[in-house]
PDB file of all heavy atoms in Angstrom:
ATOM      1  N   LEU A   1      37.198-113.152   6.998  1.00  0.00           N
ATOM      2  CA  LEU A   1      37.820-114.470   6.987  1.00  0.00           C
ATOM      3  C   LEU A   1      38.675-114.700   8.193  1.00  0.00           C
ATOM      4  O   LEU A   1      38.579-115.808   8.771  1.00  0.00           O
ATOM      5  CB  LEU A   1      38.688-114.586   5.706  1.00  0.00           C
ATOM      6  CG  LEU A   1      37.951-114.696   4.344  1.00  0.00           C
ATOM      7  CD1 LEU A   1      38.869-114.357   3.199  1.00  0.00           C
ATOM      8  CD2 LEU A   1      37.409-116.111   4.229  1.00  0.00           C
ATOM      9  N   ALA A   2      39.425-113.732   8.583  1.00  0.00           N
ATOM     10  CA  ALA A   2      40.260-113.856   9.772  1.00  0.00           C
ATOM     11  C   ALA A   2      39.438-114.120  11.046  1.00  0.00           C
ATOM     12  O   ALA A   2      39.801-114.860  11.946  1.00  0.00           O
ATOM     13  CB  ALA A   2      41.156-112.612   9.971  1.00  0.00           C
ATOM     14  N   ALA A   3      38.262-113.369  11.153  1.00  0.00           N
ATOM     15  CA  ALA A   3      37.396-113.530  12.285  1.00  0.00           C
ATOM     16  C   ALA A   3      36.861-114.963  12.419  1.00  0.00           C
ATOM     17  O   ALA A   3      36.526-115.392  13.523  1.00  0.00           O
ATOM     18  CB  ALA A   3      36.242-112.573  12.206  1.00  0.00           C
ATOM     19  N   ARG A   4      36.784-115.649  11.306  1.00  0.00           N
ATOM     20  CA  ARG A   4      36.302-117.047  11.297  1.00  0.00           C
ATOM     21  C   ARG A   4      37.460-118.066  11.476  1.00  0.00           C
ATOM     22  O   ARG A   4      37.224-119.265  11.434  1.00  0.00           O
ATOM     23  CB  ARG A   4      35.549-117.331  10.064  1.00  0.00           C
ATOM     24  CG  ARG A   4      34.244-116.564   9.954  1.00  0.00           C
ATOM     25  CD  ARG A   4      33.486-116.933   8.659  1.00  0.00           C
ATOM     26  NE  ARG A   4      33.213-118.350   8.528  1.00  0.00           N
ATOM     27  CZ  ARG A   4      32.562-118.907   7.476  1.00  0.00           C
ATOM     28  NH1 ARG A   4      32.124-118.133   6.571  1.00  0.00           N
ATOM     29  NH2 ARG A   4      32.408-120.215   7.453  1.00  0.00           N
ATOM     30  N   GLY A   5      38.644-117.564  11.612  1.00  0.00           N
ATOM     31  CA  GLY A   5      39.816-118.434  11.801  1.00  0.00           C
ATOM     32  C   GLY A   5      40.292-119.080  10.536  1.00  0.00           C
ATOM     33  O   GLY A   5      41.039-120.039  10.586  1.00  0.00           O
ATOM     34  N   ILE A   6      39.917-118.519   9.387  1.00  0.00           N
ATOM     35  CA  ILE A   6      40.314-119.032   8.093  1.00  0.00           C
ATOM     36  C   ILE A   6      41.660-118.340   7.698  1.00  0.00           C
ATOM     37  O   ILE A   6      41.799-117.115   7.872  1.00  0.00           O
ATOM     38  CB  ILE A   6      39.269-118.780   7.021  1.00  0.00           C
ATOM     39  CG1 ILE A   6      37.984-119.568   7.346  1.00  0.00           C
ATOM     40  CG2 ILE A   6      39.771-119.151   5.626  1.00  0.00           C
ATOM     41  CD1 ILE A   6      36.801-119.287   6.491  1.00  0.00           C
ATOM     42  N   HIS A   7      42.575-119.064   7.218  1.00  0.00           N
ATOM     43  CA  HIS A   7      43.939-118.571   6.808  1.00  0.00           C
ATOM     44  C   HIS A   7      43.698-117.582   5.648  1.00  0.00           C
ATOM     45  O   HIS A   7      43.223-117.961   4.596  1.00  0.00           O
ATOM     46  CB  HIS A   7      44.860-119.642   6.474  1.00  0.00           C
ATOM     47  CG  HIS A   7      46.241-119.167   6.235  1.00  0.00           C
ATOM     48  ND1 HIS A   7      47.132-119.760   5.342  1.00  0.00           N
ATOM     49  CD2 HIS A   7      46.908-118.157   6.783  1.00  0.00           C
ATOM     50  CE1 HIS A   7      48.267-119.134   5.340  1.00  0.00           C
ATOM     51  NE2 HIS A   7      48.171-118.150   6.223  1.00  0.00           N
ATOM     52  N   VAL A   8      44.134-116.341   5.829  1.00  0.00           N
ATOM     53  CA  VAL A   8      43.957-115.337   4.822  1.00  0.00           C
ATOM     54  C   VAL A   8      45.154-114.459   4.716  1.00  0.00           C
ATOM     55  O   VAL A   8      45.795-114.098   5.668  1.00  0.00           O
ATOM     56  CB  VAL A   8      42.644-114.482   5.052  1.00  0.00           C
ATOM     57  CG1 VAL A   8      42.718-113.832   6.400  1.00  0.00           C
ATOM     58  CG2 VAL A   8      42.464-113.401   3.975  1.00  0.00           C
ATOM     59  N   LEU A   9      45.503-114.088   3.438  1.00  0.00           N
ATOM     60  CA  LEU A   9      46.619-113.144   3.173  1.00  0.00           C
ATOM     61  C   LEU A   9      46.012-111.951   2.514  1.00  0.00           C
ATOM     62  O   LEU A   9      45.282-112.030   1.503  1.00  0.00           O
ATOM     63  CB  LEU A   9      47.636-113.811   2.251  1.00  0.00           C
ATOM     64  CG  LEU A   9      48.293-115.090   2.755  1.00  0.00           C
ATOM     65  CD1 LEU A   9      49.139-115.733   1.654  1.00  0.00           C
ATOM     66  CD2 LEU A   9      49.172-114.802   4.003  1.00  0.00           C
ATOM     67  N   LEU A  10      46.311-110.754   2.998  1.00  0.00           N
ATOM     68  CA  LEU A  10      45.833-109.528   2.463  1.00  0.00           C
ATOM     69  C   LEU A  10      46.892-108.886   1.526  1.00  0.00           C
ATOM     70  O   LEU A  10      48.006-108.596   1.992  1.00  0.00           O
ATOM     71  CB  LEU A  10      45.443-108.498   3.554  1.00  0.00           C
ATOM     72  CG  LEU A  10      44.923-107.161   3.102  1.00  0.00           C
ATOM     73  CD1 LEU A  10      43.644-107.230   2.281  1.00  0.00           C
ATOM     74  CD2 LEU A  10      44.732-106.235   4.342  1.00  0.00           C
ATOM     75  N   VAL A  11      46.527-108.632   0.319  1.00  0.00           N
ATOM     76  CA  VAL A  11      47.500-108.003  -0.641  1.00  0.00           C
ATOM     77  C   VAL A  11      47.854-106.595  -0.266  1.00  0.00           C
ATOM     78  O   VAL A  11      46.919-105.816   0.269  1.00  0.00           O
ATOM     79  CB  VAL A  11      46.890-108.011  -2.048  1.00  0.00           C
ATOM     80  CG1 VAL A  11      47.809-107.249  -3.037  1.00  0.00           C
ATOM     81  CG2 VAL A  11      46.618-109.399  -2.534  1.00  0.00           C
ATOM     82  N   GLY A  12      49.109-106.218  -0.325  1.00  0.00           N
ATOM     83  CA  GLY A  12      49.532-104.906   0.034  1.00  0.00           C
ATOM     84  C   GLY A  12      49.509-103.976  -1.147  1.00  0.00           C
ATOM     85  O   GLY A  12      49.620-104.351  -2.259  1.00  0.00           O
ATOM     86  N   GLY A  13      49.302-102.623  -0.857  1.00  0.00           N
ATOM     87  CA  GLY A  13      49.310-101.625  -1.907  1.00  0.00           C
ATOM     88  C   GLY A  13      48.524-100.401  -1.506  1.00  0.00           C
ATOM     89  O   GLY A  13      48.455-100.109  -0.324  1.00  0.00           O
ATOM     90  N   THR A  14      47.952 -99.766  -2.447  1.00  0.00           N
ATOM     91  CA  THR A  14      47.267 -98.551  -2.247  1.00  0.00           C
ATOM     92  C   THR A  14      45.736 -98.863  -1.982  1.00  0.00           C
ATOM     93  O   THR A  14      45.119 -99.555  -2.802  1.00  0.00           O
ATOM     94  CB  THR A  14      47.291 -97.567  -3.418  1.00  0.00           C
ATOM     95  OG1 THR A  14      48.694 -97.269  -3.653  1.00  0.00           O
ATOM     96  CG2 THR A  14      46.557 -96.272  -3.203  1.00  0.00           C
ATOM     97  N   LEU A  15      45.210 -98.325  -0.925  1.00  0.00           N
ATOM     98  CA  LEU A  15      43.771 -98.577  -0.594  1.00  0.00           C
ATOM     99  C   LEU A  15      42.891 -97.625  -1.330  1.00  0.00           C
ATOM    100  O   LEU A  15      43.018 -96.398  -1.163  1.00  0.00           O
ATOM    101  CB  LEU A  15      43.524 -98.499   0.915  1.00  0.00           C
ATOM    102  CG  LEU A  15      42.094 -98.808   1.373  1.00  0.00           C
ATOM    103  CD1 LEU A  15      41.634-100.223   1.034  1.00  0.00           C
ATOM    104  CD2 LEU A  15      41.985 -98.558   2.868  1.00  0.00           C
ATOM    105  N   LYS A  16      41.963 -98.072  -2.060  1.00  0.00           N
ATOM    106  CA  LYS A  16      41.025 -97.254  -2.857  1.00  0.00           C
ATOM    107  C   LYS A  16      39.707 -97.132  -1.998  1.00  0.00           C
ATOM    108  O   LYS A  16      39.078 -98.119  -1.683  1.00  0.00           O
ATOM    109  CB  LYS A  16      40.665 -97.912  -4.186  1.00  0.00           C
ATOM    110  CG  LYS A  16      39.735 -97.101  -5.094  1.00  0.00           C
ATOM    111  CD  LYS A  16      39.501 -97.854  -6.372  1.00  0.00           C
ATOM    112  CE  LYS A  16      38.469 -97.203  -7.249  1.00  0.00           C
ATOM    113  NZ  LYS A  16      38.188 -97.901  -8.493  1.00  0.00           N
ATOM    114  N   GLY A  17      39.380 -95.898  -1.628  1.00  0.00           N
ATOM    115  CA  GLY A  17      38.302 -95.685  -0.668  1.00  0.00           C
ATOM    116  C   GLY A  17      36.954 -96.087  -1.126  1.00  0.00           C
ATOM    117  O   GLY A  17      36.208 -96.743  -0.378  1.00  0.00           O
ATOM    118  N   SER A  18      36.602 -95.831  -2.429  1.00  0.00           N
ATOM    119  CA  SER A  18      35.269 -96.094  -2.919  1.00  0.00           C
ATOM    120  C   SER A  18      34.892 -97.607  -2.964  1.00  0.00           C
ATOM    121  O   SER A  18      33.760 -97.986  -2.634  1.00  0.00           O
ATOM    122  CB  SER A  18      35.006 -95.516  -4.280  1.00  0.00           C
ATOM    123  OG  SER A  18      35.875 -96.119  -5.241  1.00  0.00           O
ATOM    124  N   THR A  19      35.859 -98.443  -3.301  1.00  0.00           N
ATOM    125  CA  THR A  19      35.589 -99.851  -3.396  1.00  0.00           C
ATOM    126  C   THR A  19      36.296-100.624  -2.256  1.00  0.00           C
ATOM    127  O   THR A  19      36.048-101.897  -2.209  1.00  0.00           O
ATOM    128  CB  THR A  19      36.068-100.449  -4.772  1.00  0.00           C
ATOM    129  OG1 THR A  19      37.506-100.223  -4.857  1.00  0.00           O
ATOM    130  CG2 THR A  19      35.416 -99.777  -5.917  1.00  0.00           C
ATOM    131  N   GLU A  20      36.989 -99.965  -1.409  1.00  0.00           N
ATOM    132  CA  GLU A  20      37.686-100.663  -0.294  1.00  0.00           C
ATOM    133  C   GLU A  20      38.626-101.722  -0.763  1.00  0.00           C
ATOM    134  O   GLU A  20      38.768-102.760  -0.144  1.00  0.00           O
ATOM    135  CB  GLU A  20      36.693-101.151   0.735  1.00  0.00           C
ATOM    136  CG  GLU A  20      35.776-100.087   1.316  1.00  0.00           C
ATOM    137  CD  GLU A  20      34.628-100.642   2.160  1.00  0.00           C
ATOM    138  OE1 GLU A  20      34.706-101.818   2.606  1.00  0.00           O
ATOM    139  OE2 GLU A  20      33.742 -99.855   2.465  1.00  0.00           O
ATOM    140  N   ALA A  21      39.197-101.507  -1.931  1.00  0.00           N
ATOM    141  CA  ALA A  21      40.128-102.514  -2.553  1.00  0.00           C
ATOM    142  C   ALA A  21      41.548-102.034  -2.515  1.00  0.00           C
ATOM    143  O   ALA A  21      41.771-100.831  -2.670  1.00  0.00           O
ATOM    144  CB  ALA A  21      39.714-102.760  -4.042  1.00  0.00           C
ATOM    145  N   VAL A  22      42.489-102.964  -2.304  1.00  0.00           N
ATOM    146  CA  VAL A  22      43.895-102.562  -2.411  1.00  0.00           C
ATOM    147  C   VAL A  22      44.282-102.743  -3.876  1.00  0.00           C
ATOM    148  O   VAL A  22      44.071-103.768  -4.528  1.00  0.00           O
ATOM    149  CB  VAL A  22      44.749-103.507  -1.513  1.00  0.00           C
ATOM    150  CG1 VAL A  22      46.235-103.226  -1.667  1.00  0.00           C
ATOM    151  CG2 VAL A  22      44.382-103.370  -0.029  1.00  0.00           C
ATOM    152  N   VAL A  23      44.852-101.670  -4.443  1.00  0.00           N
ATOM    153  CA  VAL A  23      45.138-101.660  -5.907  1.00  0.00           C
ATOM    154  C   VAL A  23      46.554-101.207  -6.181  1.00  0.00           C
ATOM    155  O   VAL A  23      47.264-100.829  -5.265  1.00  0.00           O
ATOM    156  CB  VAL A  23      44.114-100.772  -6.645  1.00  0.00           C
ATOM    157  CG1 VAL A  23      42.697-101.257  -6.438  1.00  0.00           C
ATOM    158  CG2 VAL A  23      44.240 -99.329  -6.239  1.00  0.00           C
ATOM    159  N   GLY A  24      46.908-101.185  -7.461  1.00  0.00           N
ATOM    160  CA  GLY A  24      48.176-100.573  -7.827  1.00  0.00           C
ATOM    161  C   GLY A  24      49.305-101.574  -8.183  1.00  0.00           C
ATOM    162  O   GLY A  24      49.128-102.788  -8.098  1.00  0.00           O
ATOM    163  N   THR A  25      50.489-101.036  -8.515  1.00  0.00           N
ATOM    164  CA  THR A  25      51.606-101.805  -8.936  1.00  0.00           C
ATOM    165  C   THR A  25      52.126-102.748  -7.834  1.00  0.00           C
ATOM    166  O   THR A  25      52.487-103.902  -8.085  1.00  0.00           O
ATOM    167  CB  THR A  25      52.727-100.917  -9.480  1.00  0.00           C
ATOM    168  OG1 THR A  25      52.207-100.060 -10.465  1.00  0.00           O
ATOM    169  CG2 THR A  25      53.896-101.694 -10.004  1.00  0.00           C
ATOM    170  N   THR A  26      52.221-102.235  -6.642  1.00  0.00           N
ATOM    171  CA  THR A  26      52.717-103.035  -5.533  1.00  0.00           C
ATOM    172  C   THR A  26      51.856-104.329  -5.324  1.00  0.00           C
ATOM    173  O   THR A  26      52.377-105.407  -5.157  1.00  0.00           O
ATOM    174  CB  THR A  26      52.733-102.225  -4.232  1.00  0.00           C
ATOM    175  OG1 THR A  26      53.530-101.096  -4.373  1.00  0.00           O
ATOM    176  CG2 THR A  26      53.209-103.077  -3.093  1.00  0.00           C
ATOM    177  N   ALA A  27      50.545-104.129  -5.372  1.00  0.00           N
ATOM    178  CA  ALA A  27      49.616-105.302  -5.248  1.00  0.00           C
ATOM    179  C   ALA A  27      49.832-106.253  -6.370  1.00  0.00           C
ATOM    180  O   ALA A  27      49.878-107.475  -6.142  1.00  0.00           O
ATOM    181  CB  ALA A  27      48.179-104.800  -5.247  1.00  0.00           C
ATOM    182  N   ALA A  28      49.950-105.775  -7.585  1.00  0.00           N
ATOM    183  CA  ALA A  28      50.163-106.610  -8.749  1.00  0.00           C
ATOM    184  C   ALA A  28      51.440-107.406  -8.671  1.00  0.00           C
ATOM    185  O   ALA A  28      51.476-108.586  -9.003  1.00  0.00           O
ATOM    186  CB  ALA A  28      50.117-105.771 -10.042  1.00  0.00           C
ATOM    187  N   LEU A  29      52.537-106.780  -8.287  1.00  0.00           N
ATOM    188  CA  LEU A  29      53.778-107.453  -8.156  1.00  0.00           C
ATOM    189  C   LEU A  29      53.777-108.596  -7.092  1.00  0.00           C
ATOM    190  O   LEU A  29      54.305-109.630  -7.292  1.00  0.00           O
ATOM    191  CB  LEU A  29      54.880-106.437  -7.716  1.00  0.00           C
ATOM    192  CG  LEU A  29      55.318-105.404  -8.831  1.00  0.00           C
ATOM    193  CD1 LEU A  29      56.259-104.379  -8.256  1.00  0.00           C
ATOM    194  CD2 LEU A  29      55.996-106.189 -10.022  1.00  0.00           C
ATOM    195  N   MET A  30      53.044-108.348  -6.032  1.00  0.00           N
ATOM    196  CA  MET A  30      52.881-109.365  -4.998  1.00  0.00           C
ATOM    197  C   MET A  30      52.154-110.547  -5.571  1.00  0.00           C
ATOM    198  O   MET A  30      52.491-111.739  -5.283  1.00  0.00           O
ATOM    199  CB  MET A  30      52.151-108.764  -3.763  1.00  0.00           C
ATOM    200  CG  MET A  30      51.895-109.722  -2.633  1.00  0.00           C
ATOM    201  SD  MET A  30      51.109-108.890  -1.281  1.00  0.00           S
ATOM    202  CE  MET A  30      50.953-110.260  -0.107  1.00  0.00           C
ATOM    203  N   LEU A  31      51.122-110.343  -6.364  1.00  0.00           N
ATOM    204  CA  LEU A  31      50.312-111.449  -6.899  1.00  0.00           C
ATOM    205  C   LEU A  31      51.037-112.276  -7.893  1.00  0.00           C
ATOM    206  O   LEU A  31      50.672-113.463  -8.057  1.00  0.00           O
ATOM    207  CB  LEU A  31      49.015-110.825  -7.581  1.00  0.00           C
ATOM    208  CG  LEU A  31      48.034-110.296  -6.532  1.00  0.00           C
ATOM    209  CD1 LEU A  31      46.974-109.471  -7.317  1.00  0.00           C
ATOM    210  CD2 LEU A  31      47.376-111.401  -5.734  1.00  0.00           C
ATOM    211  N   HIS A  32      52.105-111.731  -8.484  1.00  0.00           N
ATOM    212  CA  HIS A  32      52.901-112.538  -9.487  1.00  0.00           C
ATOM    213  C   HIS A  32      53.560-113.710  -8.825  1.00  0.00           C
ATOM    214  O   HIS A  32      53.904-114.704  -9.509  1.00  0.00           O
ATOM    215  CB  HIS A  32      54.005-111.635 -10.057  1.00  0.00           C
ATOM    216  CG  HIS A  32      53.527-110.916 -11.324  1.00  0.00           C
ATOM    217  ND1 HIS A  32      53.067-111.564 -12.410  1.00  0.00           N
ATOM    218  CD2 HIS A  32      53.422-109.583 -11.588  1.00  0.00           C
ATOM    219  CE1 HIS A  32      52.758-110.662 -13.372  1.00  0.00           C
ATOM    220  NE2 HIS A  32      52.940-109.473 -12.883  1.00  0.00           N
ATOM    221  N   ASP A  33      53.733-113.709  -7.508  1.00  0.00           N
ATOM    222  CA  ASP A  33      54.401-114.788  -6.835  1.00  0.00           C
ATOM    223  C   ASP A  33      53.431-115.935  -6.389  1.00  0.00           C
ATOM    224  O   ASP A  33      53.877-116.981  -5.893  1.00  0.00           O
ATOM    225  CB  ASP A  33      55.079-114.294  -5.520  1.00  0.00           C
ATOM    226  CG  ASP A  33      56.227-113.339  -5.840  1.00  0.00           C
ATOM    227  OD1 ASP A  33      56.826-113.537  -6.942  1.00  0.00           O
ATOM    228  OD2 ASP A  33      56.481-112.469  -5.028  1.00  0.00           O
ATOM    229  N   TYR A  34      52.161-115.730  -6.625  1.00  0.00           N
ATOM    230  CA  TYR A  34      51.154-116.723  -6.182  1.00  0.00           C
ATOM    231  C   TYR A  34      50.623-117.566  -7.341  1.00  0.00           C
ATOM    232  O   TYR A  34      50.608-117.095  -8.521  1.00  0.00           O
ATOM    233  CB  TYR A  34      49.982-116.020  -5.520  1.00  0.00           C
ATOM    234  CG  TYR A  34      50.304-115.381  -4.201  1.00  0.00           C
ATOM    235  CD1 TYR A  34      49.909-114.093  -3.951  1.00  0.00           C
ATOM    236  CD2 TYR A  34      51.045-116.073  -3.216  1.00  0.00           C
ATOM    237  CE1 TYR A  34      50.222-113.455  -2.727  1.00  0.00           C
ATOM    238  CE2 TYR A  34      51.353-115.441  -2.006  1.00  0.00           C
ATOM    239  CZ  TYR A  34      50.951-114.145  -1.765  1.00  0.00           C
ATOM    240  OH  TYR A  34      51.301-113.549  -0.579  1.00  0.00           O
TER     241      TYR A  34
END
């Protein structure tokens, strides 16, 4: 998305290698504000 110039926010937290996803409590807490 960033490479195309589209505004994107990446959630912070623990990176899970197998799915390349950011997961965990930190990510969930951040999403509560959106």
